[in-house]
PDB file of N, CA and C in Angstrom:
ATOM      1  N   MET A   1       9.454  -7.351  -8.823  1.00  0.00           N
ATOM      2  CA  MET A   1       8.594  -6.388  -9.471  1.00  0.00           C
ATOM      3  C   MET A   1       8.703  -5.051  -8.736  1.00  0.00           C
ATOM      4  N   HIS A   2       8.877  -3.982  -9.492  1.00  0.00           N
ATOM      5  CA  HIS A   2       9.112  -2.671  -8.893  1.00  0.00           C
ATOM      6  C   HIS A   2       7.924  -2.155  -8.098  1.00  0.00           C
ATOM      7  N   VAL A   3       6.742  -2.379  -8.590  1.00  0.00           N
ATOM      8  CA  VAL A   3       5.550  -1.876  -7.908  1.00  0.00           C
ATOM      9  C   VAL A   3       5.443  -2.486  -6.519  1.00  0.00           C
ATOM     10  N   GLN A   4       5.650  -3.781  -6.414  1.00  0.00           N
ATOM     11  CA  GLN A   4       5.545  -4.449  -5.110  1.00  0.00           C
ATOM     12  C   GLN A   4       6.607  -3.946  -4.141  1.00  0.00           C
ATOM     13  N   LYS A   5       7.794  -3.637  -4.645  1.00  0.00           N
ATOM     14  CA  LYS A   5       8.863  -3.106  -3.795  1.00  0.00           C
ATOM     15  C   LYS A   5       8.414  -1.786  -3.155  1.00  0.00           C
ATOM     16  N   TYR A   6       7.892  -0.883  -3.978  1.00  0.00           N
ATOM     17  CA  TYR A   6       7.459   0.417  -3.471  1.00  0.00           C
ATOM     18  C   TYR A   6       6.189   0.312  -2.628  1.00  0.00           C
ATOM     19  N   TRP A   7       5.338  -0.651  -2.958  1.00  0.00           N
ATOM     20  CA  TRP A   7       4.125  -0.893  -2.173  1.00  0.00           C
ATOM     21  C   TRP A   7       4.520  -1.294  -0.749  1.00  0.00           C
ATOM     22  N   GLN A   8       5.470  -2.220  -0.640  1.00  0.00           N
ATOM     23  CA  GLN A   8       5.923  -2.685   0.672  1.00  0.00           C
ATOM     24  C   GLN A   8       6.641  -1.566   1.426  1.00  0.00           C
ATOM     25  N   GLN A   9       7.381  -0.757   0.693  1.00  0.00           N
ATOM     26  CA  GLN A   9       8.076   0.375   1.305  1.00  0.00           C
ATOM     27  C   GLN A   9       7.061   1.353   1.902  1.00  0.00           C
ATOM     28  N   LYS A  10       5.973   1.609   1.186  1.00  0.00           N
ATOM     29  CA  LYS A  10       4.934   2.517   1.678  1.00  0.00           C
ATOM     30  C   LYS A  10       4.255   1.935   2.921  1.00  0.00           C
ATOM     31  N   ILE A  11       4.018   0.631   2.922  1.00  0.00           N
ATOM     32  CA  ILE A  11       3.436  -0.024   4.095  1.00  0.00           C
ATOM     33  C   ILE A  11       4.342   0.188   5.302  1.00  0.00           C
ATOM     34  N   SER A  12       5.637   0.007   5.111  1.00  0.00           N
ATOM     35  CA  SER A  12       6.599   0.195   6.206  1.00  0.00           C
ATOM     36  C   SER A  12       6.585   1.627   6.714  1.00  0.00           C
ATOM     37  N   GLU A  13       6.492   2.596   5.792  1.00  0.00           N
ATOM     38  CA  GLU A  13       6.426   4.004   6.192  1.00  0.00           C
ATOM     39  C   GLU A  13       5.168   4.278   7.014  1.00  0.00           C
ATOM     40  N   LEU A  14       4.049   3.736   6.575  1.00  0.00           N
ATOM     41  CA  LEU A  14       2.793   3.941   7.303  1.00  0.00           C
ATOM     42  C   LEU A  14       2.832   3.281   8.681  1.00  0.00           C
ATOM     43  N   GLN A  15       3.450   2.120   8.772  1.00  0.00           N
ATOM     44  CA  GLN A  15       3.569   1.440  10.067  1.00  0.00           C
ATOM     45  C   GLN A  15       4.424   2.258  11.027  1.00  0.00           C
ATOM     46  N   ALA A  16       5.501   2.860  10.526  1.00  0.00           N
ATOM     47  CA  ALA A  16       6.343   3.716  11.368  1.00  0.00           C
ATOM     48  C   ALA A  16       5.565   4.947  11.816  1.00  0.00           C
ATOM     49  N   GLU A  17       4.792   5.508  10.918  1.00  0.00           N
ATOM     50  CA  GLU A  17       3.958   6.669  11.244  1.00  0.00           C
ATOM     51  C   GLU A  17       2.912   6.298  12.294  1.00  0.00           C
ATOM     52  N   LEU A  18       2.344   5.116  12.174  1.00  0.00           N
ATOM     53  CA  LEU A  18       1.326   4.656  13.112  1.00  0.00           C
ATOM     54  C   LEU A  18       1.883   4.535  14.528  1.00  0.00           C
ATOM     55  N   LYS A  19       3.123   4.075  14.650  1.00  0.00           N
ATOM     56  CA  LYS A  19       3.748   3.911  15.969  1.00  0.00           C
ATOM     57  C   LYS A  19       3.870   5.236  16.714  1.00  0.00           C
ATOM     58  N   HIS A  20       3.992   6.345  15.960  1.00  0.00           N
ATOM     59  CA  HIS A  20       4.203   7.644  16.591  1.00  0.00           C
ATOM     60  C   HIS A  20       2.952   8.520  16.612  1.00  0.00           C
ATOM     61  N   GLU A  21       1.869   8.011  16.074  1.00  0.00           N
ATOM     62  CA  GLU A  21       0.624   8.795  16.011  1.00  0.00           C
ATOM     63  C   GLU A  21      -0.060   8.808  17.378  1.00  0.00           C
ATOM     64  N   THR A  22      -0.475   9.991  17.800  1.00  0.00           N
ATOM     65  CA  THR A  22      -1.135  10.117  19.105  1.00  0.00           C
ATOM     66  C   THR A  22      -2.652  10.276  18.973  1.00  0.00           C
ATOM     67  N   SER A  23      -3.114  10.693  17.816  1.00  0.00           N
ATOM     68  CA  SER A  23      -4.547  10.866  17.586  1.00  0.00           C
ATOM     69  C   SER A  23      -5.201   9.511  17.326  1.00  0.00           C
ATOM     70  N   GLN A  24      -6.235   9.202  18.079  1.00  0.00           N
ATOM     71  CA  GLN A  24      -6.942   7.924  17.908  1.00  0.00           C
ATOM     72  C   GLN A  24      -7.575   7.823  16.524  1.00  0.00           C
ATOM     73  N   GLN A  25      -8.138   8.917  16.045  1.00  0.00           N
ATOM     74  CA  GLN A  25      -8.790   8.912  14.741  1.00  0.00           C
ATOM     75  C   GLN A  25      -7.764   8.653  13.629  1.00  0.00           C
ATOM     76  N   LEU A  26      -6.642   9.360  13.668  1.00  0.00           N
ATOM     77  CA  LEU A  26      -5.618   9.160  12.641  1.00  0.00           C
ATOM     78  C   LEU A  26      -4.996   7.774  12.740  1.00  0.00           C
ATOM     79  N   SER A  27      -4.849   7.267  13.954  1.00  0.00           N
ATOM     80  CA  SER A  27      -4.327   5.913  14.134  1.00  0.00           C
ATOM     81  C   SER A  27      -5.250   4.886  13.493  1.00  0.00           C
ATOM     82  N   SER A  28      -6.545   5.067  13.673  1.00  0.00           N
ATOM     83  CA  SER A  28      -7.518   4.158  13.081  1.00  0.00           C
ATOM     84  C   SER A  28      -7.469   4.205  11.559  1.00  0.00           C
ATOM     85  N   GLU A  29      -7.351   5.411  11.014  1.00  0.00           N
ATOM     86  CA  GLU A  29      -7.273   5.563   9.564  1.00  0.00           C
ATOM     87  C   GLU A  29      -6.014   4.914   9.011  1.00  0.00           C
ATOM     88  N   LEU A  30      -4.891   5.129   9.675  1.00  0.00           N
ATOM     89  CA  LEU A  30      -3.633   4.524   9.237  1.00  0.00           C
ATOM     90  C   LEU A  30      -3.712   3.003   9.309  1.00  0.00           C
ATOM     91  N   PHE A  31      -4.280   2.505  10.401  1.00  0.00           N
ATOM     92  CA  PHE A  31      -4.401   1.058  10.566  1.00  0.00           C
ATOM     93  C   PHE A  31      -5.235   0.452   9.441  1.00  0.00           C
ATOM     94  N   ARG A  32      -6.362   1.080   9.111  1.00  0.00           N
ATOM     95  CA  ARG A  32      -7.220   0.574   8.025  1.00  0.00           C
ATOM     96  C   ARG A  32      -6.499   0.623   6.679  1.00  0.00           C
ATOM     97  N   LYS A  33      -5.756   1.687   6.454  1.00  0.00           N
ATOM     98  CA  LYS A  33      -5.020   1.820   5.191  1.00  0.00           C
ATOM     99  C   LYS A  33      -3.946   0.738   5.078  1.00  0.00           C
ATOM    100  N   ILE A  34      -3.209   0.513   6.159  1.00  0.00           N
ATOM    101  CA  ILE A  34      -2.172  -0.526   6.170  1.00  0.00           C
ATOM    102  C   ILE A  34      -2.803  -1.888   5.941  1.00  0.00           C
ATOM    103  N   GLN A  35      -3.883  -2.155   6.613  1.00  0.00           N
ATOM    104  CA  GLN A  35      -4.563  -3.442   6.481  1.00  0.00           C
ATOM    105  C   GLN A  35      -5.036  -3.654   5.040  1.00  0.00           C
ATOM    106  N   TRP A  36      -5.620  -2.615   4.437  1.00  0.00           N
ATOM    107  CA  TRP A  36      -6.090  -2.710   3.053  1.00  0.00           C
ATOM    108  C   TRP A  36      -4.919  -2.977   2.107  1.00  0.00           C
ATOM    109  N   MET A  37      -3.819  -2.261   2.312  1.00  0.00           N
ATOM    110  CA  MET A  37      -2.651  -2.435   1.441  1.00  0.00           C
ATOM    111  C   MET A  37      -2.078  -3.848   1.573  1.00  0.00           C
ATOM    112  N   GLN A  38      -2.067  -4.396   2.781  1.00  0.00           N
ATOM    113  CA  GLN A  38      -1.532  -5.743   2.990  1.00  0.00           C
ATOM    114  C   GLN A  38      -2.435  -6.806   2.379  1.00  0.00           C
ATOM    115  N   GLU A  39      -3.730  -6.536   2.323  1.00  0.00           N
ATOM    116  CA  GLU A  39      -4.684  -7.515   1.791  1.00  0.00           C
ATOM    117  C   GLU A  39      -4.835  -7.433   0.271  1.00  0.00           C
ATOM    118  N   THR A  40      -4.366  -6.335  -0.316  1.00  0.00           N
ATOM    119  CA  THR A  40      -4.524  -6.131  -1.751  1.00  0.00           C
ATOM    120  C   THR A  40      -3.600  -7.057  -2.539  1.00  0.00           C
ATOM    121  N   LYS A  41      -4.168  -7.724  -3.509  1.00  0.00           N
ATOM    122  CA  LYS A  41      -3.403  -8.601  -4.392  1.00  0.00           C
ATOM    123  C   LYS A  41      -3.178  -7.874  -5.711  1.00  0.00           C
ATOM    124  N   MET A  42      -2.014  -8.094  -6.298  1.00  0.00           N
ATOM    125  CA  MET A  42      -1.679  -7.418  -7.549  1.00  0.00           C
ATOM    126  C   MET A  42      -1.398  -8.422  -8.643  1.00  0.00           C
ATOM    127  N   ALA A  43      -1.690  -7.991  -9.856  1.00  0.00           N
ATOM    128  CA  ALA A  43      -1.361  -8.784 -11.042  1.00  0.00           C
ATOM    129  C   ALA A  43      -0.982  -7.823 -12.159  1.00  0.00           C
ATOM    130  N   VAL A  44      -0.150  -8.282 -13.027  1.00  0.00           N
ATOM    131  CA  VAL A  44       0.248  -7.488 -14.179  1.00  0.00           C
ATOM    132  C   VAL A  44      -0.434  -8.072 -15.406  1.00  0.00           C
ATOM    133  N   VAL A  45      -1.046  -7.209 -16.173  1.00  0.00           N
ATOM    134  CA  VAL A  45      -1.705  -7.641 -17.405  1.00  0.00           C
ATOM    135  C   VAL A  45      -0.926  -7.057 -18.574  1.00  0.00           C
ATOM    136  N   ILE A  46      -0.461  -7.930 -19.431  1.00  0.00           N
ATOM    137  CA  ILE A  46       0.272  -7.496 -20.616  1.00  0.00           C
ATOM    138  C   ILE A  46      -0.578  -7.874 -21.830  1.00  0.00           C
ATOM    139  N   SER A  47      -0.906  -6.865 -22.619  1.00  0.00           N
ATOM    140  CA  SER A  47      -1.722  -7.116 -23.796  1.00  0.00           C
ATOM    141  C   SER A  47      -0.969  -6.670 -25.048  1.00  0.00           C
ATOM    142  N   GLN A  48      -1.435  -7.132 -26.158  1.00  0.00           N
ATOM    143  CA  GLN A  48      -0.822  -6.731 -27.411  1.00  0.00           C
ATOM    144  C   GLN A  48      -1.071  -5.255 -27.654  1.00  0.00           C
ATOM    145  N   GLU A  49      -0.154  -4.646 -28.353  1.00  0.00           N
ATOM    146  CA  GLU A  49      -0.281  -3.229 -28.664  1.00  0.00           C
ATOM    147  C   GLU A  49      -1.532  -3.006 -29.510  1.00  0.00           C
ATOM    148  N   GLN A  50      -2.279  -1.990 -29.151  1.00  0.00           N
ATOM    149  CA  GLN A  50      -3.488  -1.676 -29.906  1.00  0.00           C
ATOM    150  C   GLN A  50      -3.132  -0.816 -31.104  1.00  0.00           C
ATOM    151  N   ASN A  51      -3.971  -0.878 -32.111  1.00  0.00           N
ATOM    152  CA  ASN A  51      -3.801  -0.078 -33.333  1.00  0.00           C
ATOM    153  C   ASN A  51      -2.503  -0.398 -34.062  1.00  0.00           C
ATOM    154  N   ALA A  52      -2.080  -1.635 -33.978  1.00  0.00           N
ATOM    155  CA  ALA A  52      -0.827  -2.018 -34.653  1.00  0.00           C
ATOM    156  C   ALA A  52      -1.083  -2.519 -36.043  1.00  0.00           C
TER     157      ALA A  52
END
């Protein structure tokens, strides 16, 4: 699934950014964002076309 590919890519980018971050506040924010993204579950909903 394309979305999951890019989601994982973004997580990797944030993790690389976190390794080089020197600000404690920004490090904490990045860590929380990465953690949230890793815990998020995704599903695809396909419905019939409306107004058909």
